Amino acid sequence: MRLRNSFVLFVAAPLFAGPVFSYHVMGDDAGSWPAVLASIGLVKDAGAGAGIVVAPQRTVAPVEEWKQRVERGAILVVEGQSRLAAGFGFKPSGKAHFIARSVVDVHAPKLRVIWEKPLDMEPFTLPAEARVFATERWSHQPLIAGFRSGEGAVLWVAAPPGPRGYERFPFIPQALADLGFEAPFRSRRLWAFF
């Protein structure tokens, strides 16, 4: 009798489950984005219903379609320079390049994030409504910015997050939360010791 009740509970549980929190990375090379997004409890989804969609550099996607999807609640992460990023107002400025080697993030401004391998980067202009989350320490150029649009949001990162997902921008999950993303698991009473 005990096994039978457990089986019924196990089979019925998916019927009462809450929303599925998922992500999708466009293109063939997901890079370290799966590590970043899985770290906050998201699951991979190849379908059109993913809550967070990442468009790596040079991704080709229809801008107007994505503007509508963002308005309806999708969170779009655009990386670097692309037609899609430009469609949302993140455009190369044409000014002289700078070397990005150290990051100041609004979530922990005193934490020194120093990149093992500096990058030669082009400065970007941002849309007026964008909030800057991270800048290069010495040049003060924006490296992460985003804005809410309708029910969704757009997050722009100047470069990929790094081979393991946290080397360049360790506070991507916090920036997503600032733009309205709610993690599938959270607690106000949890203590964690590492």
N, C-alpha and C. Protein backbone atom coordinates (compact mmCIF):
# COMPACT_ATOMS: atom_id res chain seq x y z
N MET A 1 0.83 -1.19 0.00
CA MET A 1 0.00 0.00 0.00
C MET A 1 0.87 1.26 0.00
N ARG A 2 1.93 1.24 0.75
CA ARG A 2 2.83 2.39 0.83
C ARG A 2 3.45 2.69 -0.54
N LEU A 3 3.90 1.69 -1.26
CA LEU A 3 4.50 1.87 -2.57
C LEU A 3 3.48 2.45 -3.56
N ARG A 4 2.27 1.99 -3.48
CA ARG A 4 1.24 2.45 -4.39
C ARG A 4 0.96 3.95 -4.20
N ASN A 5 0.87 4.42 -2.97
CA ASN A 5 0.64 5.83 -2.71
C ASN A 5 1.82 6.68 -3.17
N SER A 6 3.03 6.17 -2.99
CA SER A 6 4.23 6.90 -3.44
C SER A 6 4.22 7.03 -4.95
N PHE A 7 3.79 5.98 -5.63
CA PHE A 7 3.75 6.00 -7.08
C PHE A 7 2.74 7.04 -7.57
N VAL A 8 1.60 7.11 -6.96
CA VAL A 8 0.58 8.08 -7.35
C VAL A 8 1.11 9.50 -7.14
N LEU A 9 1.77 9.74 -6.04
CA LEU A 9 2.33 11.06 -5.77
C LEU A 9 3.41 11.40 -6.80
N PHE A 10 4.27 10.43 -7.12
CA PHE A 10 5.35 10.64 -8.08
C PHE A 10 4.79 10.97 -9.47
N VAL A 11 3.74 10.26 -9.90
CA VAL A 11 3.15 10.46 -11.22
C VAL A 11 2.36 11.77 -11.26
N ALA A 12 1.70 12.14 -10.16
CA ALA A 12 0.86 13.33 -10.15
C ALA A 12 1.67 14.61 -9.96
N ALA A 13 2.86 14.53 -9.40
CA ALA A 13 3.65 15.73 -9.10
C ALA A 13 3.87 16.60 -10.33
N PRO A 14 4.24 16.06 -11.52
CA PRO A 14 4.45 16.93 -12.67
C PRO A 14 3.19 17.70 -13.08
N LEU A 15 2.01 17.16 -12.77
CA LEU A 15 0.78 17.84 -13.14
C LEU A 15 0.57 19.12 -12.35
N PHE A 16 1.13 19.17 -11.14
CA PHE A 16 0.96 20.33 -10.28
C PHE A 16 2.20 21.20 -10.19
N ALA A 17 3.17 20.94 -11.02
CA ALA A 17 4.42 21.70 -10.97
C ALA A 17 4.18 23.14 -11.41
N GLY A 18 4.99 24.04 -10.90
CA GLY A 18 4.91 25.45 -11.27
C GLY A 18 5.52 25.68 -12.63
N PRO A 19 5.80 26.92 -12.97
CA PRO A 19 6.38 27.22 -14.27
C PRO A 19 7.76 26.62 -14.42
N VAL A 20 8.11 26.27 -15.64
CA VAL A 20 9.43 25.72 -15.92
C VAL A 20 10.37 26.89 -16.24
N PHE A 21 11.49 26.93 -15.57
CA PHE A 21 12.48 27.98 -15.80
C PHE A 21 13.55 27.41 -16.71
N SER A 22 13.64 27.98 -17.91
CA SER A 22 14.55 27.40 -18.88
C SER A 22 15.32 28.49 -19.62
N TYR A 23 16.36 28.03 -20.32
CA TYR A 23 17.17 28.93 -21.13
C TYR A 23 17.46 28.27 -22.46
N HIS A 24 17.84 29.09 -23.41
CA HIS A 24 18.25 28.61 -24.73
C HIS A 24 19.39 29.50 -25.21
N VAL A 25 20.44 28.90 -25.76
CA VAL A 25 21.54 29.66 -26.36
C VAL A 25 21.45 29.45 -27.87
N MET A 26 21.30 30.55 -28.60
CA MET A 26 21.21 30.47 -30.06
C MET A 26 22.54 30.05 -30.66
N GLY A 27 22.47 29.42 -31.82
CA GLY A 27 23.68 29.06 -32.54
C GLY A 27 24.25 27.72 -32.11
N ASP A 28 25.41 27.41 -32.69
CA ASP A 28 26.05 26.12 -32.45
C ASP A 28 27.01 26.11 -31.27
N ASP A 29 27.52 27.27 -30.88
CA ASP A 29 28.51 27.33 -29.80
C ASP A 29 27.93 28.06 -28.60
N ALA A 30 27.51 27.28 -27.60
CA ALA A 30 26.89 27.86 -26.40
C ALA A 30 27.92 28.47 -25.47
N GLY A 31 29.19 28.17 -25.68
CA GLY A 31 30.23 28.69 -24.80
C GLY A 31 30.00 28.27 -23.36
N SER A 32 30.19 29.19 -22.44
CA SER A 32 30.01 28.87 -21.02
C SER A 32 28.63 29.30 -20.49
N TRP A 33 27.76 29.76 -21.38
CA TRP A 33 26.44 30.20 -20.93
C TRP A 33 25.65 29.11 -20.21
N PRO A 34 25.71 27.84 -20.64
CA PRO A 34 25.00 26.81 -19.87
C PRO A 34 25.46 26.74 -18.40
N ALA A 35 26.75 26.91 -18.15
CA ALA A 35 27.25 26.89 -16.77
C ALA A 35 26.71 28.07 -15.98
N VAL A 36 26.67 29.25 -16.60
CA VAL A 36 26.16 30.45 -15.93
C VAL A 36 24.70 30.27 -15.57
N LEU A 37 23.90 29.83 -16.53
CA LEU A 37 22.45 29.77 -16.32
C LEU A 37 22.02 28.55 -15.51
N ALA A 38 22.73 27.45 -15.63
CA ALA A 38 22.41 26.29 -14.79
C ALA A 38 22.75 26.57 -13.33
N SER A 39 23.70 27.46 -13.08
CA SER A 39 24.08 27.76 -11.70
C SER A 39 22.96 28.45 -10.93
N ILE A 40 21.98 29.01 -11.64
CA ILE A 40 20.85 29.64 -10.95
C ILE A 40 19.57 28.81 -11.10
N GLY A 41 19.73 27.54 -11.46
CA GLY A 41 18.60 26.61 -11.46
C GLY A 41 17.82 26.53 -12.76
N LEU A 42 18.35 27.08 -13.84
CA LEU A 42 17.64 27.00 -15.11
C LEU A 42 17.99 25.71 -15.83
N VAL A 43 17.04 25.23 -16.63
CA VAL A 43 17.26 24.02 -17.42
C VAL A 43 17.30 24.38 -18.90
N LYS A 44 18.04 23.60 -19.66
CA LYS A 44 18.19 23.84 -21.09
C LYS A 44 16.88 23.53 -21.80
N ASP A 45 16.52 24.40 -22.75
CA ASP A 45 15.30 24.23 -23.53
C ASP A 45 15.60 24.66 -24.96
N ALA A 46 15.41 23.77 -25.90
CA ALA A 46 15.69 24.11 -27.29
C ALA A 46 14.47 24.75 -27.95
N GLY A 47 13.35 24.80 -27.26
CA GLY A 47 12.12 25.33 -27.84
C GLY A 47 12.01 26.83 -27.76
N ALA A 48 10.90 27.32 -28.29
CA ALA A 48 10.65 28.76 -28.34
C ALA A 48 10.16 29.30 -27.01
N GLY A 49 9.89 28.44 -26.04
CA GLY A 49 9.34 28.89 -24.78
C GLY A 49 10.35 29.18 -23.69
N ALA A 50 11.63 29.20 -24.01
CA ALA A 50 12.65 29.44 -22.99
C ALA A 50 12.48 30.83 -22.39
N GLY A 51 12.66 30.94 -21.07
CA GLY A 51 12.50 32.22 -20.38
C GLY A 51 13.65 33.17 -20.63
N ILE A 52 14.88 32.63 -20.70
CA ILE A 52 16.06 33.44 -20.99
C ILE A 52 16.70 32.88 -22.26
N VAL A 53 16.95 33.77 -23.21
CA VAL A 53 17.57 33.37 -24.47
C VAL A 53 18.85 34.19 -24.64
N VAL A 54 19.94 33.49 -24.94
CA VAL A 54 21.24 34.14 -25.13
C VAL A 54 21.57 34.16 -26.62
N ALA A 55 21.94 35.34 -27.11
CA ALA A 55 22.38 35.51 -28.49
C ALA A 55 23.86 35.86 -28.48
N PRO A 56 24.74 34.86 -28.66
CA PRO A 56 26.18 35.14 -28.68
C PRO A 56 26.56 36.12 -29.79
N GLN A 57 27.80 36.61 -29.74
CA GLN A 57 28.27 37.58 -30.74
C GLN A 57 27.97 37.11 -32.15
N ARG A 58 27.62 38.04 -32.98
CA ARG A 58 27.35 37.83 -34.40
C ARG A 58 26.17 36.89 -34.67
N THR A 59 25.28 36.73 -33.71
CA THR A 59 24.08 35.93 -33.93
C THR A 59 23.18 36.67 -34.91
N VAL A 60 22.65 35.94 -35.86
CA VAL A 60 21.72 36.51 -36.82
C VAL A 60 20.31 36.10 -36.39
N ALA A 61 19.50 37.10 -36.07
CA ALA A 61 18.12 36.85 -35.64
C ALA A 61 17.28 38.07 -36.00
N PRO A 62 15.99 37.85 -36.29
CA PRO A 62 15.11 38.97 -36.68
C PRO A 62 14.84 39.91 -35.50
N VAL A 63 15.27 41.15 -35.62
CA VAL A 63 15.17 42.12 -34.54
C VAL A 63 13.72 42.36 -34.13
N GLU A 64 12.83 42.59 -35.08
CA GLU A 64 11.43 42.91 -34.75
C GLU A 64 10.75 41.76 -34.01
N GLU A 65 11.05 40.54 -34.43
CA GLU A 65 10.48 39.37 -33.74
C GLU A 65 10.95 39.33 -32.28
N TRP A 66 12.24 39.64 -32.06
CA TRP A 66 12.77 39.60 -30.71
C TRP A 66 12.26 40.76 -29.87
N LYS A 67 12.01 41.88 -30.48
CA LYS A 67 11.41 42.99 -29.72
C LYS A 67 10.03 42.59 -29.20
N GLN A 68 9.27 41.89 -30.02
CA GLN A 68 7.95 41.42 -29.61
C GLN A 68 8.05 40.37 -28.51
N ARG A 69 9.00 39.46 -28.65
CA ARG A 69 9.16 38.41 -27.63
C ARG A 69 9.58 39.00 -26.29
N VAL A 70 10.46 40.00 -26.32
CA VAL A 70 10.86 40.66 -25.09
C VAL A 70 9.66 41.37 -24.47
N GLU A 71 8.88 42.05 -25.27
CA GLU A 71 7.69 42.74 -24.76
C GLU A 71 6.73 41.76 -24.08
N ARG A 72 6.68 40.52 -24.57
CA ARG A 72 5.78 39.51 -24.01
C ARG A 72 6.38 38.76 -22.82
N GLY A 73 7.64 39.05 -22.45
CA GLY A 73 8.18 38.46 -21.24
C GLY A 73 9.50 37.75 -21.34
N ALA A 74 10.05 37.59 -22.53
CA ALA A 74 11.35 36.92 -22.65
C ALA A 74 12.46 37.84 -22.13
N ILE A 75 13.50 37.23 -21.58
CA ILE A 75 14.71 37.97 -21.22
C ILE A 75 15.76 37.58 -22.25
N LEU A 76 16.21 38.56 -23.00
CA LEU A 76 17.18 38.33 -24.06
C LEU A 76 18.54 38.83 -23.60
N VAL A 77 19.55 37.97 -23.70
CA VAL A 77 20.93 38.35 -23.38
C VAL A 77 21.67 38.45 -24.70
N VAL A 78 22.15 39.65 -25.03
CA VAL A 78 22.92 39.83 -26.26
C VAL A 78 24.37 40.06 -25.88
N GLU A 79 25.23 39.44 -26.65
CA GLU A 79 26.66 39.46 -26.34
C GLU A 79 27.41 40.22 -27.42
N GLY A 80 28.16 41.23 -27.00
CA GLY A 80 29.04 41.94 -27.93
C GLY A 80 28.31 42.64 -29.05
N GLN A 81 28.90 42.56 -30.23
CA GLN A 81 28.39 43.26 -31.40
C GLN A 81 27.61 42.31 -32.28
N SER A 82 26.39 42.72 -32.63
CA SER A 82 25.56 41.97 -33.56
C SER A 82 24.46 42.88 -34.06
N ARG A 83 23.81 42.47 -35.11
CA ARG A 83 22.66 43.23 -35.62
C ARG A 83 21.55 43.25 -34.58
N LEU A 84 21.41 42.15 -33.85
CA LEU A 84 20.38 42.06 -32.81
C LEU A 84 20.68 43.03 -31.66
N ALA A 85 21.92 43.08 -31.21
CA ALA A 85 22.31 44.02 -30.15
C ALA A 85 22.08 45.45 -30.62
N ALA A 86 22.46 45.76 -31.86
CA ALA A 86 22.27 47.11 -32.40
C ALA A 86 20.78 47.45 -32.49
N GLY A 87 19.95 46.45 -32.78
CA GLY A 87 18.50 46.68 -32.85
C GLY A 87 17.91 47.11 -31.52
N PHE A 88 18.56 46.74 -30.44
CA PHE A 88 18.12 47.15 -29.11
C PHE A 88 18.88 48.37 -28.59
N GLY A 89 19.76 48.95 -29.42
CA GLY A 89 20.44 50.19 -29.06
C GLY A 89 21.86 50.04 -28.55
N PHE A 90 22.42 48.85 -28.55
CA PHE A 90 23.81 48.62 -28.10
C PHE A 90 24.69 48.59 -29.35
N LYS A 91 25.32 49.75 -29.63
CA LYS A 91 26.03 49.90 -30.90
C LYS A 91 27.47 50.33 -30.66
N PRO A 92 28.41 49.86 -31.50
CA PRO A 92 29.79 50.34 -31.40
C PRO A 92 29.82 51.85 -31.60
N SER A 93 30.61 52.54 -30.78
CA SER A 93 30.65 54.01 -30.83
C SER A 93 31.57 54.54 -31.92
N GLY A 94 32.49 53.71 -32.39
CA GLY A 94 33.46 54.19 -33.38
C GLY A 94 34.65 54.89 -32.76
N LYS A 95 34.68 54.99 -31.45
CA LYS A 95 35.80 55.63 -30.75
C LYS A 95 36.96 54.65 -30.63
N ALA A 96 38.09 55.14 -30.15
CA ALA A 96 39.30 54.33 -30.01
C ALA A 96 39.07 53.16 -29.06
N HIS A 97 39.68 52.04 -29.40
CA HIS A 97 39.57 50.84 -28.57
C HIS A 97 40.19 51.06 -27.19
N PHE A 98 39.81 50.20 -26.26
CA PHE A 98 40.39 50.24 -24.92
C PHE A 98 40.72 48.81 -24.52
N ILE A 99 41.58 48.67 -23.54
CA ILE A 99 41.94 47.35 -23.02
C ILE A 99 41.12 47.10 -21.76
N ALA A 100 40.32 46.03 -21.79
CA ALA A 100 39.53 45.66 -20.62
C ALA A 100 40.33 44.62 -19.84
N ARG A 101 40.61 44.94 -18.58
CA ARG A 101 41.39 44.01 -17.76
C ARG A 101 40.88 43.91 -16.33
N SER A 102 40.05 44.86 -15.91
CA SER A 102 39.54 44.87 -14.55
C SER A 102 38.12 45.42 -14.56
N VAL A 103 37.24 44.82 -13.78
CA VAL A 103 35.82 45.16 -13.81
C VAL A 103 35.36 45.69 -12.46
N VAL A 104 34.52 46.71 -12.52
CA VAL A 104 33.82 47.21 -11.34
C VAL A 104 32.35 46.91 -11.57
N ASP A 105 31.75 46.14 -10.68
CA ASP A 105 30.34 45.77 -10.80
C ASP A 105 29.55 46.44 -9.67
N VAL A 106 28.36 46.94 -10.00
CA VAL A 106 27.56 47.65 -9.00
C VAL A 106 27.13 46.74 -7.85
N HIS A 107 27.14 45.44 -8.06
CA HIS A 107 26.71 44.49 -7.03
C HIS A 107 27.77 44.25 -5.96
N ALA A 108 29.01 44.54 -6.27
CA ALA A 108 30.12 44.41 -5.30
C ALA A 108 31.25 45.33 -5.77
N PRO A 109 31.06 46.64 -5.65
CA PRO A 109 32.04 47.57 -6.22
C PRO A 109 33.44 47.50 -5.62
N LYS A 110 33.57 46.96 -4.42
CA LYS A 110 34.90 46.87 -3.79
C LYS A 110 35.63 45.58 -4.16
N LEU A 111 34.92 44.63 -4.76
CA LEU A 111 35.54 43.37 -5.17
C LEU A 111 36.37 43.61 -6.41
N ARG A 112 37.63 43.25 -6.37
CA ARG A 112 38.52 43.44 -7.52
C ARG A 112 38.42 42.24 -8.45
N VAL A 113 37.77 42.43 -9.57
CA VAL A 113 37.67 41.39 -10.59
C VAL A 113 38.71 41.73 -11.66
N ILE A 114 39.76 40.93 -11.73
CA ILE A 114 40.85 41.18 -12.67
C ILE A 114 40.89 40.00 -13.65
N TRP A 115 40.82 40.32 -14.93
CA TRP A 115 40.82 39.28 -15.96
C TRP A 115 42.21 38.71 -16.16
N GLU A 116 42.30 37.41 -16.24
CA GLU A 116 43.57 36.75 -16.49
C GLU A 116 44.11 37.16 -17.86
N LYS A 117 43.21 37.26 -18.84
CA LYS A 117 43.61 37.64 -20.20
C LYS A 117 42.83 38.90 -20.60
N PRO A 118 43.50 40.07 -20.60
CA PRO A 118 42.83 41.31 -21.01
C PRO A 118 42.34 41.21 -22.46
N LEU A 119 41.30 41.99 -22.76
CA LEU A 119 40.74 42.01 -24.11
C LEU A 119 40.82 43.41 -24.69
N ASP A 120 41.15 43.48 -25.98
CA ASP A 120 41.09 44.73 -26.72
C ASP A 120 39.64 44.89 -27.16
N MET A 121 38.97 45.95 -26.69
CA MET A 121 37.55 46.08 -26.94
C MET A 121 37.20 47.42 -27.57
N GLU A 122 36.11 47.42 -28.29
CA GLU A 122 35.57 48.63 -28.88
C GLU A 122 34.51 49.21 -27.95
N PRO A 123 34.53 50.52 -27.69
CA PRO A 123 33.49 51.12 -26.84
C PRO A 123 32.13 51.06 -27.53
N PHE A 124 31.08 50.99 -26.72
CA PHE A 124 29.71 50.93 -27.23
C PHE A 124 28.92 52.12 -26.71
N THR A 125 27.94 52.53 -27.49
CA THR A 125 26.93 53.47 -27.00
C THR A 125 25.75 52.62 -26.56
N LEU A 126 25.06 53.10 -25.54
CA LEU A 126 23.95 52.34 -24.96
C LEU A 126 22.65 53.10 -25.16
N PRO A 127 21.53 52.38 -25.16
CA PRO A 127 20.25 53.09 -25.23
C PRO A 127 20.05 53.92 -23.97
N ALA A 128 19.28 54.99 -24.09
CA ALA A 128 19.10 55.93 -22.97
C ALA A 128 18.51 55.26 -21.74
N GLU A 129 17.66 54.27 -21.92
CA GLU A 129 17.00 53.62 -20.78
C GLU A 129 17.86 52.55 -20.11
N ALA A 130 19.02 52.26 -20.66
CA ALA A 130 19.87 51.18 -20.12
C ALA A 130 20.48 51.57 -18.78
N ARG A 131 20.54 50.59 -17.92
CA ARG A 131 21.22 50.73 -16.63
C ARG A 131 22.55 49.99 -16.73
N VAL A 132 23.64 50.64 -16.36
CA VAL A 132 24.97 50.02 -16.44
C VAL A 132 25.21 49.24 -15.16
N PHE A 133 25.58 47.96 -15.30
CA PHE A 133 25.85 47.09 -14.16
C PHE A 133 27.34 46.90 -13.91
N ALA A 134 28.14 46.98 -14.97
CA ALA A 134 29.59 46.78 -14.81
C ALA A 134 30.34 47.65 -15.82
N THR A 135 31.48 48.17 -15.37
CA THR A 135 32.34 48.97 -16.23
C THR A 135 33.78 48.48 -16.11
N GLU A 136 34.60 48.86 -17.07
CA GLU A 136 36.03 48.59 -16.98
C GLU A 136 36.59 49.58 -15.96
N ARG A 137 37.40 49.09 -15.06
CA ARG A 137 37.87 49.90 -13.92
C ARG A 137 38.58 51.19 -14.34
N TRP A 138 39.44 51.14 -15.35
CA TRP A 138 40.29 52.29 -15.67
C TRP A 138 39.70 53.18 -16.75
N SER A 139 39.05 52.61 -17.74
CA SER A 139 38.49 53.43 -18.83
C SER A 139 37.03 53.83 -18.55
N HIS A 140 36.40 53.17 -17.60
CA HIS A 140 35.01 53.42 -17.23
C HIS A 140 34.03 53.11 -18.36
N GLN A 141 34.45 52.30 -19.32
CA GLN A 141 33.57 51.91 -20.41
C GLN A 141 32.59 50.84 -19.92
N PRO A 142 31.31 50.91 -20.33
CA PRO A 142 30.34 49.91 -19.90
C PRO A 142 30.67 48.53 -20.46
N LEU A 143 30.51 47.52 -19.61
CA LEU A 143 30.73 46.13 -20.01
C LEU A 143 29.47 45.27 -19.86
N ILE A 144 28.58 45.66 -18.96
CA ILE A 144 27.28 45.00 -18.82
C ILE A 144 26.24 46.09 -18.59
N ALA A 145 25.15 46.01 -19.33
CA ALA A 145 24.06 46.97 -19.18
C ALA A 145 22.77 46.29 -19.61
N GLY A 146 21.66 46.84 -19.18
CA GLY A 146 20.39 46.26 -19.57
C GLY A 146 19.23 47.18 -19.27
N PHE A 147 18.06 46.78 -19.75
CA PHE A 147 16.85 47.55 -19.49
C PHE A 147 15.64 46.63 -19.59
N ARG A 148 14.58 47.03 -18.91
CA ARG A 148 13.31 46.32 -19.00
C ARG A 148 12.54 46.88 -20.19
N SER A 149 11.76 46.01 -20.81
CA SER A 149 10.93 46.41 -21.94
C SER A 149 9.66 45.58 -21.89
N GLY A 150 8.53 46.22 -21.65
CA GLY A 150 7.28 45.49 -21.52
C GLY A 150 7.37 44.53 -20.35
N GLU A 151 7.05 43.27 -20.59
CA GLU A 151 7.11 42.24 -19.55
C GLU A 151 8.49 41.59 -19.43
N GLY A 152 9.38 41.88 -20.39
CA GLY A 152 10.69 41.24 -20.42
C GLY A 152 11.83 42.22 -20.23
N ALA A 153 13.01 41.81 -20.67
CA ALA A 153 14.20 42.64 -20.50
C ALA A 153 15.27 42.24 -21.49
N VAL A 154 16.24 43.14 -21.66
CA VAL A 154 17.41 42.88 -22.50
C VAL A 154 18.64 43.15 -21.65
N LEU A 155 19.56 42.19 -21.64
CA LEU A 155 20.84 42.34 -20.96
C LEU A 155 21.93 42.24 -22.01
N TRP A 156 22.82 43.23 -22.03
CA TRP A 156 23.94 43.24 -22.97
C TRP A 156 25.23 43.03 -22.20
N VAL A 157 26.06 42.11 -22.67
CA VAL A 157 27.40 41.92 -22.11
C VAL A 157 28.40 42.15 -23.25
N ALA A 158 29.46 42.87 -22.95
CA ALA A 158 30.42 43.27 -23.98
C ALA A 158 31.23 42.11 -24.54
N ALA A 159 31.39 41.04 -23.76
CA ALA A 159 32.22 39.90 -24.16
C ALA A 159 31.63 38.63 -23.55
N PRO A 160 32.05 37.47 -24.02
CA PRO A 160 31.60 36.23 -23.39
C PRO A 160 32.03 36.18 -21.92
N PRO A 161 31.30 35.43 -21.08
CA PRO A 161 31.61 35.43 -19.65
C PRO A 161 32.92 34.74 -19.25
N GLY A 162 33.57 34.04 -20.16
CA GLY A 162 34.83 33.36 -19.84
C GLY A 162 34.66 31.86 -19.96
N PRO A 163 35.75 31.12 -20.03
CA PRO A 163 35.69 29.67 -20.26
C PRO A 163 34.86 28.89 -19.24
N ARG A 164 34.90 29.30 -17.96
CA ARG A 164 34.15 28.58 -16.93
C ARG A 164 32.85 29.28 -16.56
N GLY A 165 32.62 30.48 -17.11
CA GLY A 165 31.36 31.16 -16.91
C GLY A 165 31.34 32.26 -15.87
N TYR A 166 32.41 32.43 -15.14
CA TYR A 166 32.39 33.43 -14.08
C TYR A 166 33.64 34.31 -14.05
N GLU A 167 34.62 34.04 -14.89
CA GLU A 167 35.89 34.76 -14.82
C GLU A 167 35.77 36.25 -15.11
N ARG A 168 34.97 36.60 -16.08
CA ARG A 168 34.89 38.01 -16.46
C ARG A 168 33.76 38.74 -15.74
N PHE A 169 32.62 38.10 -15.64
CA PHE A 169 31.44 38.76 -15.08
C PHE A 169 30.75 37.86 -14.06
N PRO A 170 31.22 37.85 -12.82
CA PRO A 170 30.65 36.93 -11.83
C PRO A 170 29.24 37.32 -11.36
N PHE A 171 28.77 38.51 -11.72
CA PHE A 171 27.47 38.95 -11.21
C PHE A 171 26.38 39.02 -12.28
N ILE A 172 26.48 38.21 -13.32
CA ILE A 172 25.43 38.15 -14.33
C ILE A 172 24.09 37.75 -13.71
N PRO A 173 24.04 36.75 -12.82
CA PRO A 173 22.73 36.41 -12.22
C PRO A 173 22.10 37.58 -11.47
N GLN A 174 22.91 38.39 -10.80
CA GLN A 174 22.37 39.54 -10.07
C GLN A 174 21.84 40.60 -11.05
N ALA A 175 22.51 40.78 -12.17
CA ALA A 175 22.03 41.73 -13.18
C ALA A 175 20.70 41.25 -13.75
N LEU A 176 20.58 39.94 -13.99
CA LEU A 176 19.31 39.40 -14.47
C LEU A 176 18.20 39.63 -13.44
N ALA A 177 18.52 39.45 -12.16
CA ALA A 177 17.54 39.69 -11.10
C ALA A 177 17.13 41.17 -11.06
N ASP A 178 18.08 42.06 -11.27
CA ASP A 178 17.76 43.49 -11.30
C ASP A 178 16.82 43.84 -12.45
N LEU A 179 16.84 43.02 -13.50
CA LEU A 179 15.98 43.26 -14.66
C LEU A 179 14.64 42.51 -14.55
N GLY A 180 14.40 41.88 -13.41
CA GLY A 180 13.09 41.26 -13.20
C GLY A 180 13.07 39.74 -13.17
N PHE A 181 14.20 39.10 -13.42
CA PHE A 181 14.22 37.64 -13.38
C PHE A 181 14.10 37.16 -11.93
N GLU A 182 13.25 36.18 -11.71
CA GLU A 182 13.12 35.57 -10.40
C GLU A 182 13.60 34.13 -10.49
N ALA A 183 14.61 33.80 -9.72
CA ALA A 183 15.19 32.46 -9.75
C ALA A 183 14.16 31.43 -9.30
N PRO A 184 14.23 30.21 -9.84
CA PRO A 184 13.26 29.19 -9.45
C PRO A 184 13.40 28.75 -8.00
N PHE A 185 14.58 28.91 -7.42
CA PHE A 185 14.79 28.52 -6.03
C PHE A 185 15.33 29.72 -5.27
N ARG A 186 14.71 30.02 -4.16
CA ARG A 186 15.22 31.10 -3.33
C ARG A 186 14.71 30.91 -1.92
N SER A 187 15.45 31.50 -1.00
CA SER A 187 15.07 31.41 0.41
C SER A 187 15.56 32.66 1.11
N ARG A 188 14.76 33.15 2.00
CA ARG A 188 15.17 34.30 2.80
C ARG A 188 15.76 33.84 4.12
N ARG A 189 15.71 32.53 4.40
CA ARG A 189 16.19 32.00 5.67
C ARG A 189 17.35 31.03 5.50
N LEU A 190 17.86 30.85 4.30
CA LEU A 190 18.91 29.88 4.05
C LEU A 190 20.28 30.47 4.39
N TRP A 191 21.07 29.71 5.08
CA TRP A 191 22.46 30.06 5.33
C TRP A 191 23.33 29.04 4.62
N ALA A 192 24.32 29.48 3.93
CA ALA A 192 25.22 28.55 3.23
C ALA A 192 26.65 28.86 3.64
N PHE A 193 27.40 27.83 3.95
CA PHE A 193 28.79 27.99 4.35
C PHE A 193 29.67 27.21 3.38
N PHE A 194 30.67 27.88 2.83
CA PHE A 194 31.56 27.23 1.87
C PHE A 194 32.97 27.19 2.42
